[in-house]
Amino acid sequence: MESFIQADIFFFISSVATVVLTILACILLWYVIKAARNLYKLSEALKGGFKESEEFVAELRERLENNMVFRLFFPPPRRKKRTIEKGDTIKQ
């Protein structure tokens, strides 16, 4: 009879522990979901910022390339023209 009482006590304690751990897991999951939402919103905001900065950099590059002082210090690269004569092959 005493073993049945011990078994009942064990199952009662394990049931309570299971319920408590489930509640704690739900609370932890709630905070993880909130953090994931905040991270998603932050990444979306950063994507928008990168698009704006990309446009800014493209405009700045265009303005610099058209600037005479910039072209004085950084001339555009000269391309070497190579004429292909009869019988020449192009190596790749």
C-alpha atoms as a PDB file:
ATOM      1  CA  MET A   1       0.000   0.000   0.000  1.00  0.00           C
ATOM      2  CA  GLU A   2       2.844   2.321   0.814  1.00  0.00           C
ATOM      3  CA  SER A   3       4.304   1.883  -2.703  1.00  0.00           C
ATOM      4  CA  PHE A   4       0.979   3.029  -4.234  1.00  0.00           C
ATOM      5  CA  ILE A   5       1.067   6.204  -2.143  1.00  0.00           C
ATOM      6  CA  GLN A   6       4.661   6.857  -3.215  1.00  0.00           C
ATOM      7  CA  ALA A   7       3.693   6.269  -6.871  1.00  0.00           C
ATOM      8  CA  ASP A   8       0.752   8.676  -6.539  1.00  0.00           C
ATOM      9  CA  ILE A   9       2.998  11.313  -4.976  1.00  0.00           C
ATOM     10  CA  PHE A  10       5.608  10.820  -7.732  1.00  0.00           C
ATOM     11  CA  PHE A  11       3.013  11.155 -10.506  1.00  0.00           C
ATOM     12  CA  PHE A  12       1.472  14.213  -8.839  1.00  0.00           C
ATOM     13  CA  ILE A  13       4.869  15.918  -8.543  1.00  0.00           C
ATOM     14  CA  SER A  14       5.856  15.015 -12.105  1.00  0.00           C
ATOM     15  CA  SER A  15       2.497  16.294 -13.408  1.00  0.00           C
ATOM     16  CA  VAL A  16       2.930  19.607 -11.604  1.00  0.00           C
ATOM     17  CA  ALA A  17       6.520  19.873 -12.887  1.00  0.00           C
ATOM     18  CA  THR A  18       5.355  19.167 -16.435  1.00  0.00           C
ATOM     19  CA  VAL A  19       2.708  21.871 -16.236  1.00  0.00           C
ATOM     20  CA  VAL A  20       5.167  24.383 -14.765  1.00  0.00           C
ATOM     21  CA  LEU A  21       7.801  23.597 -17.424  1.00  0.00           C
ATOM     22  CA  THR A  22       5.174  23.905 -20.166  1.00  0.00           C
ATOM     23  CA  ILE A  23       4.112  27.316 -18.870  1.00  0.00           C
ATOM     24  CA  LEU A  24       7.761  28.449 -18.706  1.00  0.00           C
ATOM     25  CA  ALA A  25       8.361  27.170 -22.245  1.00  0.00           C
ATOM     26  CA  CYS A  26       5.308  29.107 -23.476  1.00  0.00           C
ATOM     27  CA  ILE A  27       6.544  32.294 -21.812  1.00  0.00           C
ATOM     28  CA  LEU A  28      10.001  31.812 -23.323  1.00  0.00           C
ATOM     29  CA  LEU A  29       8.466  31.164 -26.737  1.00  0.00           C
ATOM     30  CA  TRP A  30       6.396  34.354 -26.396  1.00  0.00           C
ATOM     31  CA  TYR A  31       9.551  36.420 -25.823  1.00  0.00           C
ATOM     32  CA  VAL A  32      11.388  34.690 -28.668  1.00  0.00           C
ATOM     33  CA  ILE A  33       8.512  35.504 -31.037  1.00  0.00           C
ATOM     34  CA  LYS A  34       8.508  39.158 -29.917  1.00  0.00           C
ATOM     35  CA  ALA A  35      12.268  39.379 -30.423  1.00  0.00           C
ATOM     36  CA  ALA A  36      11.978  37.803 -33.876  1.00  0.00           C
ATOM     37  CA  ARG A  37       9.313  40.332 -34.867  1.00  0.00           C
ATOM     38  CA  ASN A  38      11.518  43.208 -33.708  1.00  0.00           C
ATOM     39  CA  LEU A  39      14.474  41.758 -35.608  1.00  0.00           C
ATOM     40  CA  TYR A  40      12.340  41.457 -38.748  1.00  0.00           C
ATOM     41  CA  LYS A  41      11.176  45.077 -38.468  1.00  0.00           C
ATOM     42  CA  LEU A  42      14.763  46.207 -37.925  1.00  0.00           C
ATOM     43  CA  SER A  43      16.000  44.298 -40.961  1.00  0.00           C
ATOM     44  CA  GLU A  44      13.236  45.785 -43.116  1.00  0.00           C
ATOM     45  CA  ALA A  45      14.180  49.285 -41.948  1.00  0.00           C
ATOM     46  CA  LEU A  46      17.837  48.593 -42.755  1.00  0.00           C
ATOM     47  CA  LYS A  47      16.920  47.340 -46.221  1.00  0.00           C
ATOM     48  CA  GLY A  48      15.115  50.625 -46.889  1.00  0.00           C
ATOM     49  CA  GLY A  49      18.107  52.558 -45.607  1.00  0.00           C
ATOM     50  CA  PHE A  50      20.459  50.603 -47.849  1.00  0.00           C
ATOM     51  CA  LYS A  51      18.315  51.336 -50.883  1.00  0.00           C
ATOM     52  CA  GLU A  52      18.361  55.050 -50.081  1.00  0.00           C
ATOM     53  CA  SER A  53      22.109  55.040 -49.492  1.00  0.00           C
ATOM     54  CA  GLU A  54      22.659  53.102 -52.721  1.00  0.00           C
ATOM     55  CA  GLU A  55      20.857  55.838 -54.642  1.00  0.00           C
ATOM     56  CA  PHE A  56      22.882  58.473 -52.793  1.00  0.00           C
ATOM     57  CA  VAL A  57      26.180  56.758 -53.597  1.00  0.00           C
ATOM     58  CA  ALA A  58      25.232  56.371 -57.273  1.00  0.00           C
ATOM     59  CA  GLU A  59      24.377  60.072 -57.467  1.00  0.00           C
ATOM     60  CA  LEU A  60      27.599  61.021 -55.662  1.00  0.00           C
ATOM     61  CA  ARG A  61      29.652  58.848 -58.003  1.00  0.00           C
ATOM     62  CA  GLU A  62      28.062  60.468 -61.027  1.00  0.00           C
ATOM     63  CA  ARG A  63      28.739  63.928 -59.661  1.00  0.00           C
ATOM     64  CA  LEU A  64      32.365  63.036 -58.892  1.00  0.00           C
ATOM     65  CA  GLU A  65      32.975  61.538 -62.311  1.00  0.00           C
ATOM     66  CA  ASN A  66      31.748  64.758 -63.907  1.00  0.00           C
ATOM     67  CA  ASN A  67      33.902  66.942 -61.642  1.00  0.00           C
ATOM     68  CA  MET A  68      36.978  68.407 -63.360  1.00  0.00           C
ATOM     69  CA  VAL A  69      39.166  68.315 -60.231  1.00  0.00           C
ATOM     70  CA  PHE A  70      38.359  64.660 -59.709  1.00  0.00           C
ATOM     71  CA  ARG A  71      39.163  63.862 -63.334  1.00  0.00           C
ATOM     72  CA  LEU A  72      42.460  65.750 -62.959  1.00  0.00           C
ATOM     73  CA  PHE A  73      43.615  63.477 -60.134  1.00  0.00           C
ATOM     74  CA  PHE A  74      41.863  60.311 -61.340  1.00  0.00           C
ATOM     75  CA  PRO A  75      41.773  60.252 -65.124  1.00  0.00           C
ATOM     76  CA  PRO A  76      39.554  57.670 -66.781  1.00  0.00           C
ATOM     77  CA  PRO A  77      41.378  54.478 -67.702  1.00  0.00           C
ATOM     78  CA  ARG A  78      42.589  54.247 -71.269  1.00  0.00           C
ATOM     79  CA  ARG A  79      41.623  51.123 -73.086  1.00  0.00           C
ATOM     80  CA  LYS A  80      44.155  49.461 -75.286  1.00  0.00           C
ATOM     81  CA  LYS A  81      42.822  48.801 -78.728  1.00  0.00           C
ATOM     82  CA  ARG A  82      44.035  45.650 -80.319  1.00  0.00           C
ATOM     83  CA  THR A  83      43.431  44.992 -83.924  1.00  0.00           C
ATOM     84  CA  ILE A  84      42.817  41.451 -84.981  1.00  0.00           C
ATOM     85  CA  GLU A  85      44.612  40.573 -88.164  1.00  0.00           C
ATOM     86  CA  LYS A  86      43.960  37.666 -90.437  1.00  0.00           C
ATOM     87  CA  GLY A  87      45.079  34.405 -88.925  1.00  0.00           C
ATOM     88  CA  ASP A  88      45.137  35.672 -85.296  1.00  0.00           C
ATOM     89  CA  THR A  89      43.242  33.609 -82.773  1.00  0.00           C
ATOM     90  CA  ILE A  90      41.777  34.856 -79.537  1.00  0.00           C
ATOM     91  CA  LYS A  91      42.915  32.920 -76.470  1.00  0.00           C
ATOM     92  CA  GLN A  92      40.478  32.507 -73.629  1.00  0.00           C
END
